Amino acid sequence: DSLGIPYALGHLAGAYSKKSEFSKAKSYLDRAMEIRLKRNDLIGIAETNGQYGEFYFLQKNYQKAMPYLLKSNDLAQKTHYLHLQHQSIALLSQCYEELGDFKNALKYQKVQENLKDSMLNESTNNSIASLEIQFETEKKEKQLAEQKATIAHQELVEKKRNFYLIGLALL
């Protein structure tokens, strides 16, 4: 499963990184990247670059983390993956802050805020679209119910008329 295995390897790498077992984490990241490169999976490559960035960030190796985070951000931009862009830029801003480069830290903090707004707008737009669909669906269901009620009423009127005619004919 060349699609699912790299995700699992990435999660394992993250778990080992958080436990400071960096050699195990690195081997999992390397295997995940190898699979994703073979598949030419741009989104996966972007995610794994972000994971490498986080891997080095957790080791306080900010200089080594930054190129991975920039690569992750670039690929995330190309694939329109806002959430990953936001994560990469947030870590990049923290790297610059840790290195004492407050000008770049502020620059990336502003980019992060813009991405956060974009994600909020996207989420809001999706919610609005979902509510509009729900409203239109309920409106159509109401129309169908009204049509069924009208048809049922017409059938009842016809049945009464038929019974009336049959009664007259029998008389």
C-alpha atoms as a PDB file:
ATOM      1  CA  ASP A   1       0.000   0.000   0.000  1.00  0.00           C
ATOM      2  CA  SER A   2       2.263   2.756  -1.286  1.00  0.00           C
ATOM      3  CA  LEU A   3      -0.315   5.367  -0.382  1.00  0.00           C
ATOM      4  CA  GLY A   4      -1.090   4.392   3.218  1.00  0.00           C
ATOM      5  CA  ILE A   5       2.287   3.115   4.397  1.00  0.00           C
ATOM      6  CA  PRO A   6       4.049   6.498   4.168  1.00  0.00           C
ATOM      7  CA  TYR A   7       1.314   8.070   6.295  1.00  0.00           C
ATOM      8  CA  ALA A   8       1.816   5.390   8.935  1.00  0.00           C
ATOM      9  CA  LEU A   9       5.595   5.804   8.748  1.00  0.00           C
ATOM     10  CA  GLY A  10       5.197   9.562   9.177  1.00  0.00           C
ATOM     11  CA  HIS A  11       3.035   9.066  12.258  1.00  0.00           C
ATOM     12  CA  LEU A  12       5.586   6.652  13.708  1.00  0.00           C
ATOM     13  CA  ALA A  13       8.360   9.165  13.013  1.00  0.00           C
ATOM     14  CA  GLY A  14       6.374  11.863  14.793  1.00  0.00           C
ATOM     15  CA  ALA A  15       5.820   9.644  17.814  1.00  0.00           C
ATOM     16  CA  TYR A  16       9.506   8.716  18.058  1.00  0.00           C
ATOM     17  CA  SER A  17      10.526  12.364  17.589  1.00  0.00           C
ATOM     18  CA  LYS A  18       8.332  13.433  20.480  1.00  0.00           C
ATOM     19  CA  LYS A  19       9.960  10.705  22.594  1.00  0.00           C
ATOM     20  CA  SER A  20      13.394  12.071  21.515  1.00  0.00           C
ATOM     21  CA  GLU A  21      14.223   8.795  19.771  1.00  0.00           C
ATOM     22  CA  PHE A  22      15.505  10.661  16.755  1.00  0.00           C
ATOM     23  CA  SER A  23      17.442   7.865  15.018  1.00  0.00           C
ATOM     24  CA  LYS A  24      14.288   5.710  14.807  1.00  0.00           C
ATOM     25  CA  ALA A  25      12.239   8.702  13.711  1.00  0.00           C
ATOM     26  CA  LYS A  26      14.716   9.571  10.947  1.00  0.00           C
ATOM     27  CA  SER A  27      14.665   6.038   9.527  1.00  0.00           C
ATOM     28  CA  TYR A  28      10.857   6.131   9.323  1.00  0.00           C
ATOM     29  CA  LEU A  29      10.918   9.552   7.654  1.00  0.00           C
ATOM     30  CA  ASP A  30      13.521   8.368   5.138  1.00  0.00           C
ATOM     31  CA  ARG A  31      11.402   5.322   4.233  1.00  0.00           C
ATOM     32  CA  ALA A  32       8.266   7.450   3.893  1.00  0.00           C
ATOM     33  CA  MET A  33      10.061   9.951   1.643  1.00  0.00           C
ATOM     34  CA  GLU A  34      11.499   7.173  -0.516  1.00  0.00           C
ATOM     35  CA  ILE A  35       8.020   5.745  -1.174  1.00  0.00           C
ATOM     36  CA  ARG A  36       6.506   9.150  -1.840  1.00  0.00           C
ATOM     37  CA  LEU A  37       9.252  10.099  -4.263  1.00  0.00           C
ATOM     38  CA  LYS A  38       8.735   6.859  -6.192  1.00  0.00           C
ATOM     39  CA  ARG A  39       5.004   7.637  -6.427  1.00  0.00           C
ATOM     40  CA  ASN A  40       5.695  11.301  -7.264  1.00  0.00           C
ATOM     41  CA  ASP A  41       3.102  12.112  -4.589  1.00  0.00           C
ATOM     42  CA  LEU A  42       3.471  15.906  -4.302  1.00  0.00           C
ATOM     43  CA  ILE A  43       1.146  16.227  -1.338  1.00  0.00           C
ATOM     44  CA  GLY A  44       2.906  13.377   0.454  1.00  0.00           C
ATOM     45  CA  ILE A  45       6.327  14.839  -0.343  1.00  0.00           C
ATOM     46  CA  ALA A  46       5.132  18.190   1.020  1.00  0.00           C
ATOM     47  CA  GLU A  47       3.917  16.503   4.216  1.00  0.00           C
ATOM     48  CA  THR A  48       7.131  14.535   4.675  1.00  0.00           C
ATOM     49  CA  ASN A  49       9.202  17.690   4.177  1.00  0.00           C
ATOM     50  CA  GLY A  50       7.097  19.313   6.885  1.00  0.00           C
ATOM     51  CA  GLN A  51       7.753  16.298   9.109  1.00  0.00           C
ATOM     52  CA  TYR A  52      11.502  16.603   8.488  1.00  0.00           C
ATOM     53  CA  GLY A  53      11.217  20.270   9.437  1.00  0.00           C
ATOM     54  CA  GLU A  54       9.442  19.388  12.657  1.00  0.00           C
ATOM     55  CA  PHE A  55      11.978  16.589  13.284  1.00  0.00           C
ATOM     56  CA  TYR A  56      14.882  19.051  13.179  1.00  0.00           C
ATOM     57  CA  PHE A  57      12.914  21.726  15.034  1.00  0.00           C
ATOM     58  CA  LEU A  58      12.381  19.343  17.957  1.00  0.00           C
ATOM     59  CA  GLN A  59      16.146  18.815  18.039  1.00  0.00           C
ATOM     60  CA  LYS A  60      16.591  22.610  18.117  1.00  0.00           C
ATOM     61  CA  ASN A  61      18.457  22.382  14.799  1.00  0.00           C
ATOM     62  CA  TYR A  62      16.584  25.341  13.333  1.00  0.00           C
ATOM     63  CA  GLN A  63      18.998  25.973  10.446  1.00  0.00           C
ATOM     64  CA  LYS A  64      18.461  22.442   9.183  1.00  0.00           C
ATOM     65  CA  ALA A  65      14.680  22.598   9.751  1.00  0.00           C
ATOM     66  CA  MET A  66      14.105  25.742   7.698  1.00  0.00           C
ATOM     67  CA  PRO A  67      14.869  24.397   4.174  1.00  0.00           C
ATOM     68  CA  TYR A  68      12.483  21.489   4.750  1.00  0.00           C
ATOM     69  CA  LEU A  69       9.778  23.832   6.003  1.00  0.00           C
ATOM     70  CA  LEU A  70      10.248  26.124   2.996  1.00  0.00           C
ATOM     71  CA  LYS A  71      10.053  23.149   0.618  1.00  0.00           C
ATOM     72  CA  SER A  72       6.949  21.887   2.426  1.00  0.00           C
ATOM     73  CA  ASN A  73       5.348  25.320   2.114  1.00  0.00           C
ATOM     74  CA  ASP A  74       6.223  25.618  -1.587  1.00  0.00           C
ATOM     75  CA  LEU A  75       4.725  22.220  -2.421  1.00  0.00           C
ATOM     76  CA  ALA A  76       1.693  22.918  -0.237  1.00  0.00           C
ATOM     77  CA  GLN A  77       1.131  26.151  -2.169  1.00  0.00           C
ATOM     78  CA  LYS A  78       1.345  24.305  -5.494  1.00  0.00           C
ATOM     79  CA  THR A  79      -1.184  21.708  -4.321  1.00  0.00           C
ATOM     80  CA  HIS A  80      -3.457  24.254  -2.558  1.00  0.00           C
ATOM     81  CA  TYR A  81      -2.997  22.537   0.827  1.00  0.00           C
ATOM     82  CA  LEU A  82      -3.695  25.465   3.167  1.00  0.00           C
ATOM     83  CA  HIS A  83      -3.484  23.520   6.417  1.00  0.00           C
ATOM     84  CA  LEU A  84       0.030  22.258   5.640  1.00  0.00           C
ATOM     85  CA  GLN A  85       1.101  25.727   4.514  1.00  0.00           C
ATOM     86  CA  HIS A  86      -0.115  27.086   7.834  1.00  0.00           C
ATOM     87  CA  GLN A  87       1.789  24.439   9.814  1.00  0.00           C
ATOM     88  CA  SER A  88       5.017  24.905   7.857  1.00  0.00           C
ATOM     89  CA  ILE A  89       4.942  28.686   8.073  1.00  0.00           C
ATOM     90  CA  ALA A  90       4.155  28.573  11.808  1.00  0.00           C
ATOM     91  CA  LEU A  91       7.218  26.395  12.469  1.00  0.00           C
ATOM     92  CA  LEU A  92       9.323  28.528  10.153  1.00  0.00           C
ATOM     93  CA  SER A  93       8.339  31.630  12.110  1.00  0.00           C
ATOM     94  CA  GLN A  94       9.303  29.870  15.347  1.00  0.00           C
ATOM     95  CA  CYS A  95      12.674  28.853  13.857  1.00  0.00           C
ATOM     96  CA  TYR A  96      13.470  32.469  13.001  1.00  0.00           C
ATOM     97  CA  GLU A  97      12.340  33.553  16.450  1.00  0.00           C
ATOM     98  CA  GLU A  98      14.586  30.971  18.116  1.00  0.00           C
ATOM     99  CA  LEU A  99      17.513  32.152  15.979  1.00  0.00           C
ATOM    100  CA  GLY A 100      16.873  35.759  17.018  1.00  0.00           C
ATOM    101  CA  ASP A 101      15.888  36.870  13.502  1.00  0.00           C
ATOM    102  CA  PHE A 102      12.796  38.741  14.620  1.00  0.00           C
ATOM    103  CA  LYS A 103      12.286  40.509  11.295  1.00  0.00           C
ATOM    104  CA  ASN A 104      11.760  37.204   9.451  1.00  0.00           C
ATOM    105  CA  ALA A 105       9.888  35.747  12.418  1.00  0.00           C
ATOM    106  CA  LEU A 106       7.401  38.636  12.175  1.00  0.00           C
ATOM    107  CA  LYS A 107       7.232  38.312   8.385  1.00  0.00           C
ATOM    108  CA  TYR A 108       6.271  34.640   8.592  1.00  0.00           C
ATOM    109  CA  GLN A 109       3.964  35.296  11.532  1.00  0.00           C
ATOM    110  CA  LYS A 110       2.021  37.685   9.289  1.00  0.00           C
ATOM    111  CA  VAL A 111       1.924  35.083   6.501  1.00  0.00           C
ATOM    112  CA  GLN A 112       0.660  32.564   9.056  1.00  0.00           C
ATOM    113  CA  GLU A 113      -2.132  34.930  10.117  1.00  0.00           C
ATOM    114  CA  ASN A 114      -3.163  35.409   6.470  1.00  0.00           C
ATOM    115  CA  LEU A 115      -3.249  31.651   5.972  1.00  0.00           C
ATOM    116  CA  LYS A 116      -5.295  31.287   9.150  1.00  0.00           C
ATOM    117  CA  ASP A 117      -7.785  33.827   7.772  1.00  0.00           C
ATOM    118  CA  SER A 118      -7.885  31.981   4.446  1.00  0.00           C
ATOM    119  CA  MET A 119      -8.587  28.694   6.210  1.00  0.00           C
ATOM    120  CA  LEU A 120     -11.320  30.369   8.262  1.00  0.00           C
ATOM    121  CA  ASN A 121     -12.843  31.886   5.112  1.00  0.00           C
ATOM    122  CA  GLU A 122     -12.708  28.521   3.368  1.00  0.00           C
ATOM    123  CA  SER A 123     -14.331  26.850   6.352  1.00  0.00           C
ATOM    124  CA  THR A 124     -16.998  29.546   6.554  1.00  0.00           C
ATOM    125  CA  ASN A 125     -17.698  29.292   2.821  1.00  0.00           C
ATOM    126  CA  ASN A 126     -17.988  25.510   3.083  1.00  0.00           C
ATOM    127  CA  SER A 127     -20.408  25.871   5.995  1.00  0.00           C
ATOM    128  CA  ILE A 128     -22.501  28.400   4.080  1.00  0.00           C
ATOM    129  CA  ALA A 129     -22.570  26.151   1.003  1.00  0.00           C
ATOM    130  CA  SER A 130     -23.587  23.196   3.144  1.00  0.00           C
ATOM    131  CA  LEU A 131     -26.393  25.187   4.774  1.00  0.00           C
ATOM    132  CA  GLU A 132     -27.588  26.420   1.372  1.00  0.00           C
ATOM    133  CA  ILE A 133     -27.708  22.850   0.087  1.00  0.00           C
ATOM    134  CA  GLN A 134     -29.574  21.754   3.211  1.00  0.00           C
ATOM    135  CA  PHE A 135     -32.040  24.654   2.826  1.00  0.00           C
ATOM    136  CA  GLU A 136     -32.634  23.892  -0.867  1.00  0.00           C
ATOM    137  CA  THR A 137     -33.077  20.189  -0.103  1.00  0.00           C
ATOM    138  CA  GLU A 138     -35.616  20.904   2.632  1.00  0.00           C
ATOM    139  CA  LYS A 139     -37.401  23.358   0.322  1.00  0.00           C
ATOM    140  CA  LYS A 140     -37.659  20.722  -2.422  1.00  0.00           C
ATOM    141  CA  GLU A 141     -38.777  18.074   0.092  1.00  0.00           C
ATOM    142  CA  LYS A 142     -41.509  20.459   1.269  1.00  0.00           C
ATOM    143  CA  GLN A 143     -42.607  21.031  -2.335  1.00  0.00           C
ATOM    144  CA  LEU A 144     -42.723  17.285  -2.943  1.00  0.00           C
ATOM    145  CA  ALA A 145     -44.748  16.775   0.217  1.00  0.00           C
ATOM    146  CA  GLU A 146     -47.180  19.502  -0.864  1.00  0.00           C
ATOM    147  CA  GLN A 147     -47.506  17.907  -4.319  1.00  0.00           C
ATOM    148  CA  LYS A 148     -48.158  14.500  -2.760  1.00  0.00           C
ATOM    149  CA  ALA A 149     -50.802  16.037  -0.508  1.00  0.00           C
ATOM    150  CA  THR A 150     -52.465  17.719  -3.496  1.00  0.00           C
ATOM    151  CA  ILE A 151     -52.436  14.460  -5.481  1.00  0.00           C
ATOM    152  CA  ALA A 152     -53.839  12.538  -2.499  1.00  0.00           C
ATOM    153  CA  HIS A 153     -56.600  15.138  -2.117  1.00  0.00           C
ATOM    154  CA  GLN A 154     -57.454  14.905  -5.817  1.00  0.00           C
ATOM    155  CA  GLU A 155     -57.570  11.103  -5.615  1.00  0.00           C
ATOM    156  CA  LEU A 156     -59.876  11.336  -2.607  1.00  0.00           C
ATOM    157  CA  VAL A 157     -62.194  13.711  -4.473  1.00  0.00           C
ATOM    158  CA  GLU A 158     -62.260  11.332  -7.445  1.00  0.00           C
ATOM    159  CA  LYS A 159     -62.986   8.333  -5.224  1.00  0.00           C
ATOM    160  CA  LYS A 160     -65.868  10.193  -3.559  1.00  0.00           C
ATOM    161  CA  ARG A 161     -67.253  11.150  -6.955  1.00  0.00           C
ATOM    162  CA  ASN A 162     -66.909   7.552  -8.224  1.00  0.00           C
ATOM    163  CA  PHE A 163     -68.682   6.208  -5.104  1.00  0.00           C
ATOM    164  CA  TYR A 164     -71.374   8.834  -5.604  1.00  0.00           C
ATOM    165  CA  LEU A 165     -71.829   7.800  -9.259  1.00  0.00           C
ATOM    166  CA  ILE A 166     -71.874   4.106  -8.357  1.00  0.00           C
ATOM    167  CA  GLY A 167     -74.453   4.835  -5.657  1.00  0.00           C
ATOM    168  CA  LEU A 168     -76.605   6.748  -8.149  1.00  0.00           C
ATOM    169  CA  ALA A 169     -76.289   3.985 -10.703  1.00  0.00           C
ATOM    170  CA  LEU A 170     -77.373   1.382  -8.141  1.00  0.00           C
ATOM    171  CA  LEU A 171     -80.378   3.482  -7.160  1.00  0.00           C
END
